[in-house]
Amino acid sequence: MSLVRFVHAGSLCLGSPIVGLADSPEWLRRIAASAVRQSVIQLFDAAVAAGCQFVYVAGRLTEHSEDLRVAALWLAGQQERLRAAGVQLVLAGADAAEAVSAAGVSALVVPAGQCLQVRSELPGVRLSVTFPDRIAAGSLCVGADSSPKSPGVVYFQSPADSGPVQPLSAAESGGNGCLVCEVDLQRQSISERSCAVEVLRFVRERLTCPDGTTPPQLLQLLNAASRSLAGSRGTTVVEWEIDGRLTAAGHGGALLCEVELLRELRAGVCAGHAGAWPARIRFSDRSELSLESGMEVLCRELADTVQRRYLRRQAVQSACCPLQGLPLGAGSEVPETLRVLWPAA
């Protein structure tokens, strides 16, 4: 056979929780609780469905050593789906040898500094571990055997870790933890394509608004953009950054508070849907807000300031002597306003 197909995966992160969803609804927290293990199950299912010969895990199985034994026992149980389809498991992470010895995981271990040798043998391939010769370290590549007596042999070496299979937070957004690779043993070439197996996808999106966008229009834009991010399965957790010149009438700008805007957007999300959940909304440093009827708003705020200052001064005076002068609203606000504006002038 001249073609070898395999799945290349990064860190499995078994035993690690997903963070950053503290204020999310119950249905999303339930999904997050099992997302890491479910993504590994989908990884194995993808390898079987693609007709792969082996699964190559380049990263660590767990983030913390105390989680390794429990994670390795679970992995050994899930490996049955690979074994039944004739798919081999190859572990190249730093904790691979410890996992195999601790829980009896049936896997080929690639120690640090060595590479995987793939040899074509009917009816399949034979995998072994050897020291690299001409392969560039730190890259996903193959190299031919220098001996003409050994046709159909390639050496495979990958980075130490290409990112987690299931991201644990928005800080890991944009990573690619799973690739389906195909090696041509005759041409000594490799092709790869992304394979989405994560249960929760974390993304950071920027929404650029047209000039003069109002708060209701902004909500419509956010809802439309959220629907466009919705996939056929899984949930996308989004951090939005809004960029543009917005317009609000009077006190309508209160809706543009990031907390209020997030609450309004979440109110339109159906529980349990396979769509986009807004985790955070913030405005870029370039965003601007102009208030319609700005003089009306300014006068109202100035009148409130003057009234509070006048009443505080009258309260102090009344403690020493009876109230004197005109009441507020009968002409006394004019000199009081001048006193407020004088320091600014």
C-alpha atoms as a PDB file:
ATOM      1  CA  MET A   1       0.000   0.000   0.000  1.00  0.00           C
ATOM      2  CA  SER A   2       1.312   3.471  -0.864  1.00  0.00           C
ATOM      3  CA  LEU A   3      -0.977   5.620   1.295  1.00  0.00           C
ATOM      4  CA  VAL A   4      -0.975   5.798   5.083  1.00  0.00           C
ATOM      5  CA  ARG A   5      -3.676   7.757   6.875  1.00  0.00           C
ATOM      6  CA  PHE A   6      -3.539   8.776  10.531  1.00  0.00           C
ATOM      7  CA  VAL A   7      -4.899  11.339  12.992  1.00  0.00           C
ATOM      8  CA  HIS A   8      -2.434  13.742  14.604  1.00  0.00           C
ATOM      9  CA  ALA A   9      -3.602  15.125  17.966  1.00  0.00           C
ATOM     10  CA  GLY A  10      -2.181  17.516  20.527  1.00  0.00           C
ATOM     11  CA  SER A  11      -2.697  17.505  24.287  1.00  0.00           C
ATOM     12  CA  LEU A  12      -5.700  15.559  25.569  1.00  0.00           C
ATOM     13  CA  CYS A  13      -5.877  17.523  28.877  1.00  0.00           C
ATOM     14  CA  LEU A  14      -7.776  14.688  30.595  1.00  0.00           C
ATOM     15  CA  GLY A  15      -8.838  15.617  34.113  1.00  0.00           C
ATOM     16  CA  SER A  16      -8.622  19.378  33.546  1.00  0.00           C
ATOM     17  CA  PRO A  17     -11.720  21.584  33.936  1.00  0.00           C
ATOM     18  CA  ILE A  18     -12.894  24.175  31.440  1.00  0.00           C
ATOM     19  CA  VAL A  19     -12.653  27.650  32.953  1.00  0.00           C
ATOM     20  CA  GLY A  20     -14.273  30.992  32.201  1.00  0.00           C
ATOM     21  CA  LEU A  21     -17.905  29.825  32.255  1.00  0.00           C
ATOM     22  CA  ALA A  22     -18.795  30.681  35.851  1.00  0.00           C
ATOM     23  CA  ASP A  23     -21.750  32.896  34.874  1.00  0.00           C
ATOM     24  CA  SER A  24     -23.039  30.558  32.152  1.00  0.00           C
ATOM     25  CA  PRO A  25     -26.388  28.710  32.356  1.00  0.00           C
ATOM     26  CA  GLU A  26     -26.742  25.228  33.791  1.00  0.00           C
ATOM     27  CA  TRP A  27     -27.006  23.525  30.384  1.00  0.00           C
ATOM     28  CA  LEU A  28     -23.667  24.972  29.294  1.00  0.00           C
ATOM     29  CA  ARG A  29     -21.944  24.014  32.548  1.00  0.00           C
ATOM     30  CA  ARG A  30     -23.155  20.428  32.089  1.00  0.00           C
ATOM     31  CA  ILE A  31     -21.661  20.332  28.605  1.00  0.00           C
ATOM     32  CA  ALA A  32     -18.385  21.797  29.878  1.00  0.00           C
ATOM     33  CA  ALA A  33     -18.123  19.205  32.659  1.00  0.00           C
ATOM     34  CA  SER A  34     -17.728  16.343  30.156  1.00  0.00           C
ATOM     35  CA  ALA A  35     -16.367  18.260  27.158  1.00  0.00           C
ATOM     36  CA  VAL A  36     -12.728  17.131  27.505  1.00  0.00           C
ATOM     37  CA  ARG A  37     -13.480  13.402  27.628  1.00  0.00           C
ATOM     38  CA  GLN A  38     -16.183  13.690  24.978  1.00  0.00           C
ATOM     39  CA  SER A  39     -13.712  15.374  22.623  1.00  0.00           C
ATOM     40  CA  VAL A  40     -11.288  12.437  23.028  1.00  0.00           C
ATOM     41  CA  ILE A  41     -14.115  10.019  22.219  1.00  0.00           C
ATOM     42  CA  GLN A  42     -14.895  12.047  19.088  1.00  0.00           C
ATOM     43  CA  LEU A  43     -11.181  12.002  18.229  1.00  0.00           C
ATOM     44  CA  PHE A  44     -11.154   8.186  18.236  1.00  0.00           C
ATOM     45  CA  ASP A  45     -14.437   8.057  16.305  1.00  0.00           C
ATOM     46  CA  ALA A  46     -12.986  10.397  13.666  1.00  0.00           C
ATOM     47  CA  ALA A  47      -9.934   8.142  13.259  1.00  0.00           C
ATOM     48  CA  VAL A  48     -12.125   5.082  12.746  1.00  0.00           C
ATOM     49  CA  ALA A  49     -14.475   6.888  10.338  1.00  0.00           C
ATOM     50  CA  ALA A  50     -11.532   8.179   8.239  1.00  0.00           C
ATOM     51  CA  GLY A  51     -10.021   4.682   7.940  1.00  0.00           C
ATOM     52  CA  CYS A  52      -6.809   5.640   9.738  1.00  0.00           C
ATOM     53  CA  GLN A  53      -4.006   3.178  10.548  1.00  0.00           C
ATOM     54  CA  PHE A  54      -2.994   4.907  13.776  1.00  0.00           C
ATOM     55  CA  VAL A  55      -3.646   7.870  16.102  1.00  0.00           C
ATOM     56  CA  TYR A  56      -0.603   9.958  17.015  1.00  0.00           C
ATOM     57  CA  VAL A  57      -0.955  11.921  20.282  1.00  0.00           C
ATOM     58  CA  ALA A  58       1.907  14.425  20.405  1.00  0.00           C
ATOM     59  CA  GLY A  59       1.020  16.278  23.629  1.00  0.00           C
ATOM     60  CA  ARG A  60       0.546  15.389  27.257  1.00  0.00           C
ATOM     61  CA  LEU A  61      -2.361  13.271  28.405  1.00  0.00           C
ATOM     62  CA  THR A  62      -2.929  15.407  31.525  1.00  0.00           C
ATOM     63  CA  GLU A  63      -1.821  18.809  32.724  1.00  0.00           C
ATOM     64  CA  HIS A  64      -1.124  17.594  36.263  1.00  0.00           C
ATOM     65  CA  SER A  65       0.677  14.385  37.229  1.00  0.00           C
ATOM     66  CA  GLU A  66      -1.834  13.560  39.986  1.00  0.00           C
ATOM     67  CA  ASP A  67      -4.558  13.156  37.339  1.00  0.00           C
ATOM     68  CA  LEU A  68      -2.530  10.771  35.188  1.00  0.00           C
ATOM     69  CA  ARG A  69      -3.468   7.390  36.682  1.00  0.00           C
ATOM     70  CA  VAL A  70      -7.224   7.994  36.603  1.00  0.00           C
ATOM     71  CA  ALA A  71      -6.988   9.496  33.102  1.00  0.00           C
ATOM     72  CA  ALA A  72      -4.878   6.584  31.816  1.00  0.00           C
ATOM     73  CA  LEU A  73      -7.363   4.024  33.167  1.00  0.00           C
ATOM     74  CA  TRP A  74     -10.196   5.828  31.388  1.00  0.00           C
ATOM     75  CA  LEU A  75      -8.109   6.057  28.193  1.00  0.00           C
ATOM     76  CA  ALA A  76      -7.402   2.314  28.308  1.00  0.00           C
ATOM     77  CA  GLY A  77     -11.149   1.649  28.378  1.00  0.00           C
ATOM     78  CA  GLN A  78     -11.854   3.994  25.478  1.00  0.00           C
ATOM     79  CA  GLN A  79      -9.058   2.447  23.419  1.00  0.00           C
ATOM     80  CA  GLU A  80     -11.300  -0.518  22.692  1.00  0.00           C
ATOM     81  CA  ARG A  81     -13.037   1.449  19.920  1.00  0.00           C
ATOM     82  CA  LEU A  82      -9.640   1.818  18.211  1.00  0.00           C
ATOM     83  CA  ARG A  83      -8.625  -1.776  18.770  1.00  0.00           C
ATOM     84  CA  ALA A  84     -11.853  -3.089  17.274  1.00  0.00           C
ATOM     85  CA  ALA A  85     -11.161  -1.142  14.056  1.00  0.00           C
ATOM     86  CA  GLY A  86      -7.491  -2.127  13.865  1.00  0.00           C
ATOM     87  CA  VAL A  87      -6.251   1.395  14.670  1.00  0.00           C
ATOM     88  CA  GLN A  88      -3.019   1.635  16.661  1.00  0.00           C
ATOM     89  CA  LEU A  89      -2.389   4.260  19.350  1.00  0.00           C
ATOM     90  CA  VAL A  90       0.925   6.124  19.411  1.00  0.00           C
ATOM     91  CA  LEU A  91       1.816   8.359  22.384  1.00  0.00           C
ATOM     92  CA  ALA A  92       4.652  10.877  22.132  1.00  0.00           C
ATOM     93  CA  GLY A  93       3.894  13.180  25.067  1.00  0.00           C
ATOM     94  CA  ALA A  94       6.109  13.712  28.082  1.00  0.00           C
ATOM     95  CA  ASP A  95       3.894  11.509  30.279  1.00  0.00           C
ATOM     96  CA  ALA A  96       3.316   8.742  27.704  1.00  0.00           C
ATOM     97  CA  ALA A  97       5.628   6.104  29.224  1.00  0.00           C
ATOM     98  CA  GLU A  98       4.268   6.721  32.713  1.00  0.00           C
ATOM     99  CA  ALA A  99       0.686   6.316  31.494  1.00  0.00           C
ATOM    100  CA  VAL A 100       1.444   3.040  29.749  1.00  0.00           C
ATOM    101  CA  SER A 101       3.136   1.563  32.818  1.00  0.00           C
ATOM    102  CA  ALA A 102       0.566   2.914  35.303  1.00  0.00           C
ATOM    103  CA  ALA A 103      -2.643   1.806  33.606  1.00  0.00           C
ATOM    104  CA  GLY A 104      -1.640  -0.699  30.972  1.00  0.00           C
ATOM    105  CA  VAL A 105      -2.547   1.451  27.983  1.00  0.00           C
ATOM    106  CA  SER A 106      -1.772  -0.542  24.865  1.00  0.00           C
ATOM    107  CA  ALA A 107       0.192   2.054  22.911  1.00  0.00           C
ATOM    108  CA  LEU A 108       3.492   2.581  21.161  1.00  0.00           C
ATOM    109  CA  VAL A 109       5.558   5.160  23.063  1.00  0.00           C
ATOM    110  CA  VAL A 110       7.830   7.558  21.173  1.00  0.00           C
ATOM    111  CA  PRO A 111      10.438   8.920  23.632  1.00  0.00           C
ATOM    112  CA  ALA A 112      11.736  12.473  23.373  1.00  0.00           C
ATOM    113  CA  GLY A 113      14.346  12.882  20.646  1.00  0.00           C
ATOM    114  CA  GLN A 114      13.146   9.887  18.649  1.00  0.00           C
ATOM    115  CA  CYS A 115      10.735   9.528  15.758  1.00  0.00           C
ATOM    116  CA  LEU A 116       8.155   7.109  14.426  1.00  0.00           C
ATOM    117  CA  GLN A 117       9.109   4.770  11.588  1.00  0.00           C
ATOM    118  CA  VAL A 118       6.237   3.775   9.294  1.00  0.00           C
ATOM    119  CA  ARG A 119       6.889   0.757   7.076  1.00  0.00           C
ATOM    120  CA  SER A 120       4.530  -0.483   4.391  1.00  0.00           C
ATOM    121  CA  GLU A 121       3.600  -4.127   4.916  1.00  0.00           C
ATOM    122  CA  LEU A 122       0.610  -5.967   3.553  1.00  0.00           C
ATOM    123  CA  PRO A 123      -2.130  -5.894   4.639  1.00  0.00           C
ATOM    124  CA  GLY A 124      -1.274  -2.718   6.603  1.00  0.00           C
ATOM    125  CA  VAL A 125       1.680  -0.845   8.082  1.00  0.00           C
ATOM    126  CA  ARG A 126       4.236  -1.634  10.763  1.00  0.00           C
ATOM    127  CA  LEU A 127       5.160   1.045  13.285  1.00  0.00           C
ATOM    128  CA  SER A 128       8.428   1.248  15.202  1.00  0.00           C
ATOM    129  CA  VAL A 129      10.527   3.844  17.019  1.00  0.00           C
ATOM    130  CA  THR A 130      13.972   4.963  15.911  1.00  0.00           C
ATOM    131  CA  PHE A 131      16.328   7.914  16.070  1.00  0.00           C
ATOM    132  CA  PRO A 132      15.798  10.616  13.408  1.00  0.00           C
ATOM    133  CA  ASP A 133      18.300  11.069  10.630  1.00  0.00           C
ATOM    134  CA  ARG A 134      17.498  13.978   8.317  1.00  0.00           C
ATOM    135  CA  ILE A 135      14.128  15.040   9.730  1.00  0.00           C
ATOM    136  CA  ALA A 136      13.817  18.621  10.937  1.00  0.00           C
ATOM    137  CA  ALA A 137      12.783  18.667  14.565  1.00  0.00           C
ATOM    138  CA  GLY A 138       9.716  20.625  15.592  1.00  0.00           C
ATOM    139  CA  SER A 139       7.730  20.163  12.399  1.00  0.00           C
ATOM    140  CA  LEU A 140       5.158  17.753  11.037  1.00  0.00           C
ATOM    141  CA  CYS A 141       7.110  16.056   8.266  1.00  0.00           C
ATOM    142  CA  VAL A 142       8.247  12.784   6.731  1.00  0.00           C
ATOM    143  CA  GLY A 143      11.590  11.669   5.363  1.00  0.00           C
ATOM    144  CA  ALA A 144      12.547   8.788   3.092  1.00  0.00           C
ATOM    145  CA  ASP A 145      14.787   5.916   4.068  1.00  0.00           C
ATOM    146  CA  SER A 146      18.216   6.524   2.564  1.00  0.00           C
ATOM    147  CA  SER A 147      18.608   2.849   1.695  1.00  0.00           C
ATOM    148  CA  PRO A 148      17.196   1.743  -1.678  1.00  0.00           C
ATOM    149  CA  LYS A 149      16.732  -1.732  -0.199  1.00  0.00           C
ATOM    150  CA  SER A 150      13.960  -0.433   2.045  1.00  0.00           C
ATOM    151  CA  PRO A 151      11.233   0.995  -0.197  1.00  0.00           C
ATOM    152  CA  GLY A 152       8.015   2.262   1.327  1.00  0.00           C
ATOM    153  CA  VAL A 153       9.580   3.443   4.610  1.00  0.00           C
ATOM    154  CA  VAL A 154       9.115   6.916   6.070  1.00  0.00           C
ATOM    155  CA  TYR A 155      10.107   8.576   9.314  1.00  0.00           C
ATOM    156  CA  PHE A 156       7.526  10.743  10.981  1.00  0.00           C
ATOM    157  CA  GLN A 157       8.218  13.480  13.518  1.00  0.00           C
ATOM    158  CA  SER A 158       5.843  16.107  14.900  1.00  0.00           C
ATOM    159  CA  PRO A 159       6.032  19.064  17.297  1.00  0.00           C
ATOM    160  CA  ALA A 160       5.993  18.323  21.002  1.00  0.00           C
ATOM    161  CA  ASP A 161       2.459  19.704  21.168  1.00  0.00           C
ATOM    162  CA  SER A 162       0.199  21.257  18.550  1.00  0.00           C
ATOM    163  CA  GLY A 163      -2.436  22.530  20.966  1.00  0.00           C
ATOM    164  CA  PRO A 164      -5.199  20.885  22.990  1.00  0.00           C
ATOM    165  CA  VAL A 165      -7.838  18.682  21.394  1.00  0.00           C
ATOM    166  CA  GLN A 166     -10.418  20.508  23.537  1.00  0.00           C
ATOM    167  CA  PRO A 167      -9.455  24.096  24.529  1.00  0.00           C
ATOM    168  CA  LEU A 168      -9.918  24.797  28.231  1.00  0.00           C
ATOM    169  CA  SER A 169     -10.547  28.556  27.983  1.00  0.00           C
ATOM    170  CA  ALA A 170     -10.798  31.479  25.597  1.00  0.00           C
ATOM    171  CA  ALA A 171      -7.035  31.967  25.972  1.00  0.00           C
ATOM    172  CA  GLU A 172      -6.578  28.817  23.860  1.00  0.00           C
ATOM    173  CA  SER A 173      -8.915  29.946  21.074  1.00  0.00           C
ATOM    174  CA  GLY A 174      -7.790  29.529  17.507  1.00  0.00           C
ATOM    175  CA  GLY A 175      -5.702  26.414  18.143  1.00  0.00           C
ATOM    176  CA  ASN A 176      -5.849  23.297  16.031  1.00  0.00           C
ATOM    177  CA  GLY A 177      -5.482  20.164  18.134  1.00  0.00           C
ATOM    178  CA  CYS A 178      -6.504  17.570  15.547  1.00  0.00           C
ATOM    179  CA  LEU A 179      -5.416  16.879  11.957  1.00  0.00           C
ATOM    180  CA  VAL A 180      -6.201  14.040   9.574  1.00  0.00           C
ATOM    181  CA  CYS A 181      -2.963  13.343   7.696  1.00  0.00           C
ATOM    182  CA  GLU A 182      -2.257  11.249   4.625  1.00  0.00           C
ATOM    183  CA  VAL A 183       1.260  10.109   3.731  1.00  0.00           C
ATOM    184  CA  ASP A 184       2.230   8.964   0.260  1.00  0.00           C
ATOM    185  CA  LEU A 185       4.991   6.416   0.859  1.00  0.00           C
ATOM    186  CA  GLN A 186       6.128   6.441  -2.761  1.00  0.00           C
ATOM    187  CA  ARG A 187       6.336  10.219  -3.172  1.00  0.00           C
ATOM    188  CA  GLN A 188       7.441  10.809   0.433  1.00  0.00           C
ATOM    189  CA  SER A 189       4.823  13.582   0.785  1.00  0.00           C
ATOM    190  CA  ILE A 190       2.250  14.425   3.409  1.00  0.00           C
ATOM    191  CA  SER A 191      -1.098  16.249   3.218  1.00  0.00           C
ATOM    192  CA  GLU A 192      -3.268  17.294   6.141  1.00  0.00           C
ATOM    193  CA  ARG A 193      -6.662  18.750   6.895  1.00  0.00           C
ATOM    194  CA  SER A 194      -8.269  20.046  10.052  1.00  0.00           C
ATOM    195  CA  CYS A 195     -10.654  17.810  11.960  1.00  0.00           C
ATOM    196  CA  ALA A 196     -13.026  19.442  14.449  1.00  0.00           C
ATOM    197  CA  VAL A 197     -13.574  17.179  17.444  1.00  0.00           C
ATOM    198  CA  GLU A 198     -13.910  19.768  20.209  1.00  0.00           C
ATOM    199  CA  VAL A 199     -17.238  19.926  22.027  1.00  0.00           C
ATOM    200  CA  LEU A 200     -16.864  23.597  23.012  1.00  0.00           C
ATOM    201  CA  ARG A 201     -15.226  26.007  20.599  1.00  0.00           C
ATOM    202  CA  PHE A 202     -13.776  29.267  21.948  1.00  0.00           C
ATOM    203  CA  VAL A 203     -13.482  32.183  19.523  1.00  0.00           C
ATOM    204  CA  ARG A 204     -12.801  35.907  19.687  1.00  0.00           C
ATOM    205  CA  GLU A 205     -14.747  37.931  17.131  1.00  0.00           C
ATOM    206  CA  ARG A 206     -14.696  41.606  16.185  1.00  0.00           C
ATOM    207  CA  LEU A 207     -17.930  43.249  15.077  1.00  0.00           C
ATOM    208  CA  THR A 208     -17.439  46.422  13.026  1.00  0.00           C
ATOM    209  CA  CYS A 209     -20.562  48.603  13.090  1.00  0.00           C
ATOM    210  CA  PRO A 210     -21.609  51.171  10.487  1.00  0.00           C
ATOM    211  CA  ASP A 211     -21.418  54.796  11.616  1.00  0.00           C
ATOM    212  CA  GLY A 212     -24.525  55.870  13.505  1.00  0.00           C
ATOM    213  CA  THR A 213     -25.529  52.396  14.724  1.00  0.00           C
ATOM    214  CA  THR A 214     -28.108  52.593  17.513  1.00  0.00           C
ATOM    215  CA  PRO A 215     -28.344  50.181  20.490  1.00  0.00           C
ATOM    216  CA  PRO A 216     -31.283  48.182  18.977  1.00  0.00           C
ATOM    217  CA  GLN A 217     -29.434  47.926  15.672  1.00  0.00           C
ATOM    218  CA  LEU A 218     -26.308  46.767  17.516  1.00  0.00           C
ATOM    219  CA  LEU A 219     -28.272  43.960  19.158  1.00  0.00           C
ATOM    220  CA  GLN A 220     -29.601  42.895  15.758  1.00  0.00           C
ATOM    221  CA  LEU A 221     -26.074  42.824  14.354  1.00  0.00           C
ATOM    222  CA  LEU A 222     -24.820  40.755  17.282  1.00  0.00           C
ATOM    223  CA  ASN A 223     -27.684  38.276  16.959  1.00  0.00           C
ATOM    224  CA  ALA A 224     -27.090  37.878  13.219  1.00  0.00           C
ATOM    225  CA  ALA A 225     -23.346  37.411  13.733  1.00  0.00           C
ATOM    226  CA  SER A 226     -24.003  34.833  16.478  1.00  0.00           C
ATOM    227  CA  ARG A 227     -26.252  32.819  14.161  1.00  0.00           C
ATOM    228  CA  SER A 228     -23.540  32.796  11.511  1.00  0.00           C
ATOM    229  CA  LEU A 229     -21.110  31.238  14.030  1.00  0.00           C
ATOM    230  CA  ALA A 230     -23.478  28.419  14.939  1.00  0.00           C
ATOM    231  CA  GLY A 231     -22.238  25.036  13.755  1.00  0.00           C
ATOM    232  CA  SER A 232     -23.939  21.753  13.030  1.00  0.00           C
ATOM    233  CA  ARG A 233     -22.873  20.420  16.421  1.00  0.00           C
ATOM    234  CA  GLY A 234     -21.357  21.734  19.586  1.00  0.00           C
ATOM    235  CA  THR A 235     -21.486  25.202  21.087  1.00  0.00           C
ATOM    236  CA  THR A 236     -19.304  28.182  20.269  1.00  0.00           C
ATOM    237  CA  VAL A 237     -18.300  30.388  23.211  1.00  0.00           C
ATOM    238  CA  VAL A 238     -17.693  33.910  21.890  1.00  0.00           C
ATOM    239  CA  GLU A 239     -15.865  36.941  23.216  1.00  0.00           C
ATOM    240  CA  TRP A 240     -17.121  39.945  21.226  1.00  0.00           C
ATOM    241  CA  GLU A 241     -15.195  43.139  20.548  1.00  0.00           C
ATOM    242  CA  ILE A 242     -17.363  45.955  19.169  1.00  0.00           C
ATOM    243  CA  ASP A 243     -15.748  48.597  16.999  1.00  0.00           C
ATOM    244  CA  GLY A 244     -17.541  51.611  15.518  1.00  0.00           C
ATOM    245  CA  ARG A 245     -19.190  54.985  16.037  1.00  0.00           C
ATOM    246  CA  LEU A 246     -22.487  54.437  17.830  1.00  0.00           C
ATOM    247  CA  THR A 247     -25.412  56.783  18.359  1.00  0.00           C
ATOM    248  CA  ALA A 248     -27.944  56.815  21.190  1.00  0.00           C
ATOM    249  CA  ALA A 249     -30.879  59.125  21.925  1.00  0.00           C
ATOM    250  CA  GLY A 250     -30.965  60.624  25.395  1.00  0.00           C
ATOM    251  CA  HIS A 251     -30.581  57.924  28.050  1.00  0.00           C
ATOM    252  CA  GLY A 252     -30.629  55.198  25.373  1.00  0.00           C
ATOM    253  CA  GLY A 253     -26.879  54.939  25.799  1.00  0.00           C
ATOM    254  CA  ALA A 254     -27.457  53.011  29.033  1.00  0.00           C
ATOM    255  CA  LEU A 255     -28.077  49.888  26.930  1.00  0.00           C
ATOM    256  CA  LEU A 256     -24.538  50.211  25.609  1.00  0.00           C
ATOM    257  CA  CYS A 257     -23.144  49.331  29.022  1.00  0.00           C
ATOM    258  CA  GLU A 258     -21.238  46.097  28.406  1.00  0.00           C
ATOM    259  CA  VAL A 259     -23.053  44.277  31.205  1.00  0.00           C
ATOM    260  CA  GLU A 260     -26.509  45.358  30.005  1.00  0.00           C
ATOM    261  CA  LEU A 261     -25.669  44.578  26.392  1.00  0.00           C
ATOM    262  CA  LEU A 262     -24.470  41.100  27.363  1.00  0.00           C
ATOM    263  CA  ARG A 263     -27.655  40.481  29.354  1.00  0.00           C
ATOM    264  CA  GLU A 264     -29.875  41.508  26.427  1.00  0.00           C
ATOM    265  CA  LEU A 265     -27.925  39.344  23.987  1.00  0.00           C
ATOM    266  CA  ARG A 266     -28.059  36.289  26.247  1.00  0.00           C
ATOM    267  CA  ALA A 267     -31.806  36.700  26.656  1.00  0.00           C
ATOM    268  CA  GLY A 268     -32.244  35.769  23.007  1.00  0.00           C
ATOM    269  CA  VAL A 269     -30.217  32.534  23.242  1.00  0.00           C
ATOM    270  CA  CYS A 270     -32.272  29.353  23.521  1.00  0.00           C
ATOM    271  CA  ALA A 271     -31.014  26.981  26.213  1.00  0.00           C
ATOM    272  CA  GLY A 272     -29.173  23.967  24.890  1.00  0.00           C
ATOM    273  CA  HIS A 273     -29.008  25.090  21.276  1.00  0.00           C
ATOM    274  CA  ALA A 274     -26.069  24.312  19.018  1.00  0.00           C
ATOM    275  CA  GLY A 275     -25.110  27.922  18.517  1.00  0.00           C
ATOM    276  CA  ALA A 276     -23.008  30.735  19.939  1.00  0.00           C
ATOM    277  CA  TRP A 277     -23.003  31.658  23.631  1.00  0.00           C
ATOM    278  CA  PRO A 278     -21.736  35.202  24.376  1.00  0.00           C
ATOM    279  CA  ALA A 279     -19.212  34.968  27.202  1.00  0.00           C
ATOM    280  CA  ARG A 280     -18.036  38.590  27.092  1.00  0.00           C
ATOM    281  CA  ILE A 281     -18.666  41.855  25.258  1.00  0.00           C
ATOM    282  CA  ARG A 282     -16.323  44.813  25.236  1.00  0.00           C
ATOM    283  CA  PHE A 283     -15.829  47.938  23.152  1.00  0.00           C
ATOM    284  CA  SER A 284     -12.560  48.642  21.397  1.00  0.00           C
ATOM    285  CA  ASP A 285     -10.497  51.687  22.264  1.00  0.00           C
ATOM    286  CA  ARG A 286     -11.463  53.207  18.904  1.00  0.00           C
ATOM    287  CA  SER A 287     -15.209  53.029  19.529  1.00  0.00           C
ATOM    288  CA  GLU A 288     -17.130  56.291  19.952  1.00  0.00           C
ATOM    289  CA  LEU A 289     -20.593  57.194  21.230  1.00  0.00           C
ATOM    290  CA  SER A 290     -22.515  60.320  20.245  1.00  0.00           C
ATOM    291  CA  LEU A 291     -25.704  61.267  22.106  1.00  0.00           C
ATOM    292  CA  GLU A 292     -28.608  62.784  20.201  1.00  0.00           C
ATOM    293  CA  SER A 293     -30.205  65.770  21.974  1.00  0.00           C
ATOM    294  CA  GLY A 294     -26.865  66.177  23.679  1.00  0.00           C
ATOM    295  CA  MET A 295     -27.638  69.654  25.074  1.00  0.00           C
ATOM    296  CA  GLU A 296     -30.762  68.328  26.741  1.00  0.00           C
ATOM    297  CA  VAL A 297     -28.784  65.605  28.461  1.00  0.00           C
ATOM    298  CA  LEU A 298     -26.029  68.035  29.433  1.00  0.00           C
ATOM    299  CA  CYS A 299     -28.498  70.523  30.918  1.00  0.00           C
ATOM    300  CA  ARG A 300     -30.220  67.767  32.891  1.00  0.00           C
ATOM    301  CA  GLU A 301     -26.918  66.581  34.363  1.00  0.00           C
ATOM    302  CA  LEU A 302     -25.886  70.156  35.191  1.00  0.00           C
ATOM    303  CA  ALA A 303     -29.227  70.847  36.893  1.00  0.00           C
ATOM    304  CA  ASP A 304     -28.850  67.683  38.994  1.00  0.00           C
ATOM    305  CA  THR A 305     -25.348  68.741  40.029  1.00  0.00           C
ATOM    306  CA  VAL A 306     -26.479  72.238  40.955  1.00  0.00           C
ATOM    307  CA  GLN A 307     -29.428  70.961  42.949  1.00  0.00           C
ATOM    308  CA  ARG A 308     -27.308  68.533  44.965  1.00  0.00           C
ATOM    309  CA  ARG A 309     -24.764  71.233  45.740  1.00  0.00           C
ATOM    310  CA  TYR A 310     -27.438  73.758  46.698  1.00  0.00           C
ATOM    311  CA  LEU A 311     -29.216  71.340  49.019  1.00  0.00           C
ATOM    312  CA  ARG A 312     -25.970  70.320  50.726  1.00  0.00           C
ATOM    313  CA  ARG A 313     -25.079  73.969  51.384  1.00  0.00           C
ATOM    314  CA  GLN A 314     -28.569  74.739  52.689  1.00  0.00           C
ATOM    315  CA  ALA A 315     -28.415  71.714  54.991  1.00  0.00           C
ATOM    316  CA  VAL A 316     -25.172  72.997  56.519  1.00  0.00           C
ATOM    317  CA  GLN A 317     -26.589  76.496  56.956  1.00  0.00           C
ATOM    318  CA  SER A 318     -29.811  75.244  58.537  1.00  0.00           C
ATOM    319  CA  ALA A 319     -27.854  73.581  61.297  1.00  0.00           C
ATOM    320  CA  CYS A 320     -26.589  77.009  62.411  1.00  0.00           C
ATOM    321  CA  CYS A 321     -29.425  79.377  61.489  1.00  0.00           C
ATOM    322  CA  PRO A 322     -32.862  79.391  59.824  1.00  0.00           C
ATOM    323  CA  LEU A 323     -33.019  78.963  56.012  1.00  0.00           C
ATOM    324  CA  GLN A 324     -32.447  82.193  54.115  1.00  0.00           C
ATOM    325  CA  GLY A 325     -32.732  83.209  50.480  1.00  0.00           C
ATOM    326  CA  LEU A 326     -34.944  82.068  47.648  1.00  0.00           C
ATOM    327  CA  PRO A 327     -35.866  78.382  47.250  1.00  0.00           C
ATOM    328  CA  LEU A 328     -34.340  76.448  44.355  1.00  0.00           C
ATOM    329  CA  GLY A 329     -36.299  77.067  41.176  1.00  0.00           C
ATOM    330  CA  ALA A 330     -37.213  80.672  41.996  1.00  0.00           C
ATOM    331  CA  GLY A 331     -34.060  82.296  40.688  1.00  0.00           C
ATOM    332  CA  SER A 332     -31.498  81.004  43.154  1.00  0.00           C
ATOM    333  CA  GLU A 333     -30.242  78.335  40.679  1.00  0.00           C
ATOM    334  CA  VAL A 334     -28.641  81.047  38.530  1.00  0.00           C
ATOM    335  CA  PRO A 335     -25.928  82.140  40.993  1.00  0.00           C
ATOM    336  CA  GLU A 336     -25.514  78.516  42.110  1.00  0.00           C
ATOM    337  CA  THR A 337     -24.900  77.441  38.520  1.00  0.00           C
ATOM    338  CA  LEU A 338     -22.294  80.183  38.105  1.00  0.00           C
ATOM    339  CA  ARG A 339     -20.516  78.919  41.210  1.00  0.00           C
ATOM    340  CA  VAL A 340     -20.398  75.402  39.722  1.00  0.00           C
ATOM    341  CA  LEU A 341     -19.136  76.583  36.327  1.00  0.00           C
ATOM    342  CA  TRP A 342     -16.632  79.138  37.636  1.00  0.00           C
ATOM    343  CA  PRO A 343     -13.793  76.600  38.392  1.00  0.00           C
ATOM    344  CA  ALA A 344     -14.213  75.057  34.930  1.00  0.00           C
ATOM    345  CA  ALA A 345     -14.095  78.512  33.312  1.00  0.00           C
END
